[in-house]
Protein backbone atom coordinates (compact mmCIF):
# COMPACT_ATOMS: atom_id res chain seq x y z
CA MET A 1 27.29 19.62 -22.16
CA GLU A 2 30.17 17.68 -22.97
CA ARG A 3 28.86 17.57 -26.87
CA TYR A 4 29.57 21.43 -26.89
CA GLU A 5 33.15 20.96 -25.43
CA ILE A 6 36.20 21.93 -27.84
CA ARG A 7 39.40 19.86 -26.52
CA LEU A 8 42.45 22.07 -26.70
CA SER A 9 44.70 19.72 -26.00
CA GLY A 10 46.23 17.85 -28.58
CA LEU A 11 44.78 20.71 -31.46
CA SER A 12 47.29 22.36 -32.79
CA THR A 13 48.04 25.56 -33.52
CA GLY A 14 46.26 27.20 -36.80
CA LYS A 15 42.58 27.79 -37.79
CA HIS A 16 39.61 24.53 -37.02
CA THR A 17 36.02 24.85 -37.52
CA PHE A 18 33.94 22.98 -34.67
CA GLN A 19 29.62 22.66 -35.73
CA PHE A 20 27.08 22.26 -32.93
CA GLU A 21 23.31 21.91 -33.31
CA LEU A 22 21.26 23.99 -30.30
CA ASP A 23 18.17 22.56 -29.84
CA LYS A 24 15.49 21.91 -26.77
CA LYS A 25 17.91 19.89 -24.73
CA PHE A 26 20.70 22.93 -24.87
CA PHE A 27 18.09 25.12 -23.48
CA GLU A 28 16.55 23.11 -21.29
CA PHE A 29 20.11 22.58 -19.49
CA PHE A 30 20.13 25.82 -18.04
CA GLU A 31 16.70 26.22 -16.83
CA GLN A 32 17.80 22.57 -15.13
CA ASN A 33 21.14 23.74 -13.93
CA GLY A 34 20.23 27.02 -11.60
CA PHE A 35 20.55 29.48 -14.66
CA GLY A 36 17.42 31.20 -13.64
CA GLU A 37 14.10 31.13 -15.54
CA ASN A 38 14.99 30.51 -19.54
CA LEU A 39 12.25 32.44 -21.68
CA ILE A 40 13.58 29.95 -25.04
CA GLN A 41 11.43 27.40 -24.63
CA ASP A 42 12.32 25.40 -27.82
CA GLY A 43 15.13 26.35 -30.69
CA SER A 44 16.74 25.18 -33.74
CA LEU A 45 19.63 26.37 -34.44
CA ALA A 46 23.52 25.98 -35.93
CA ALA A 47 26.37 27.06 -34.49
CA GLU A 48 29.48 27.31 -36.09
CA VAL A 49 32.84 28.43 -33.66
CA LEU A 50 35.70 29.49 -36.10
CA LEU A 51 38.99 28.90 -33.83
CA ASP A 52 42.03 30.10 -34.40
CA LYS A 53 44.69 28.78 -31.90
CA ARG A 54 47.82 30.51 -31.24
CA GLU A 55 50.72 30.36 -29.01
CA SER A 56 49.11 32.03 -26.10
CA MET A 57 45.87 33.10 -26.59
CA LEU A 58 43.18 32.03 -29.26
CA GLU A 59 40.07 33.71 -31.15
CA LEU A 60 36.79 32.38 -31.46
CA ASN A 61 34.74 33.90 -33.84
CA PHE A 62 30.47 32.47 -33.14
CA THR A 63 27.80 32.30 -36.13
CA ILE A 64 24.72 31.24 -34.80
CA GLU A 65 21.44 30.92 -37.11
CA GLY A 66 17.84 29.55 -36.98
CA SER A 67 15.29 30.42 -34.77
CA VAL A 68 13.81 29.85 -30.58
CA SER A 69 10.38 29.36 -29.44
CA VAL A 70 9.75 32.25 -26.69
CA PRO A 71 6.43 33.36 -25.10
CA CYS A 72 4.38 36.05 -27.02
CA ASP A 73 4.61 39.37 -24.38
CA LEU A 74 0.98 39.63 -24.89
CA CYS A 75 -0.68 36.50 -25.26
CA MET A 76 2.49 33.88 -23.29
CA ASN A 77 1.79 31.95 -26.78
CA PRO A 78 4.60 30.20 -28.05
CA MET A 79 6.28 32.12 -31.18
CA ASP A 80 9.20 31.51 -33.25
CA VAL A 81 11.48 34.10 -33.23
CA PRO A 82 14.47 34.01 -36.24
CA MET A 83 18.40 34.69 -34.90
CA ALA A 84 21.49 35.39 -36.49
CA ILE A 85 24.28 36.14 -34.33
CA GLU A 86 27.78 36.89 -34.53
CA GLN A 87 30.58 36.91 -31.71
CA ARG A 88 34.13 37.09 -31.24
CA VAL A 89 35.43 36.10 -28.27
CA VAL A 90 39.41 36.15 -27.33
CA GLY A 91 40.86 33.94 -24.94
CA LYS A 92 43.88 34.01 -23.43
CA PHE A 93 45.47 30.70 -22.07
CA THR A 94 46.59 30.46 -17.99
CA ASP A 95 46.68 28.51 -15.59
CA GLU A 96 44.53 30.38 -12.98
CA PRO A 97 40.16 30.05 -12.73
CA SER A 98 38.26 31.09 -15.58
CA TRP A 99 37.31 34.94 -15.13
CA HIS A 100 35.68 37.27 -18.36
CA GLU A 101 36.55 40.77 -19.40
CA ASP A 102 34.15 41.90 -22.02
CA GLU A 103 35.27 40.06 -24.89
CA LEU A 104 38.63 38.85 -23.60
CA ILE A 105 38.45 35.33 -21.40
CA HIS A 106 40.75 33.60 -19.38
CA ILE A 107 40.71 30.04 -20.32
CA SER A 108 42.35 26.77 -18.96
CA LEU A 109 44.70 25.20 -21.09
CA ARG A 110 42.44 21.76 -21.30
CA HIS A 111 39.30 22.58 -22.94
CA ILE A 112 36.53 25.44 -23.65
CA ASN A 113 33.41 25.03 -23.03
CA THR A 114 31.16 26.79 -25.81
CA THR A 115 28.45 27.53 -23.61
């Protein structure tokens, strides 16, 4: 999942934009690595991350659009569902292990994984 990581070391303070494509391999990763059963069977999503890096924290604004394929609740046949997501997350730099609280995450000084 390295292609979804944003390297923070060497990244200057200020605003930066990153683009990611989320496809079937992205969703298969979670099911294959012990994250439980993944209801998303396939997908084609474009994700844009606007990162505002500051001295002691950063702000991440995610915009994700596209569609995913999930089983129908009635017949279990695959069906495409359009998605449009906007999410804001604030990160605080720390050397302690990562932990989360609502919209605040504590992150390593080296890199963040957007998955």
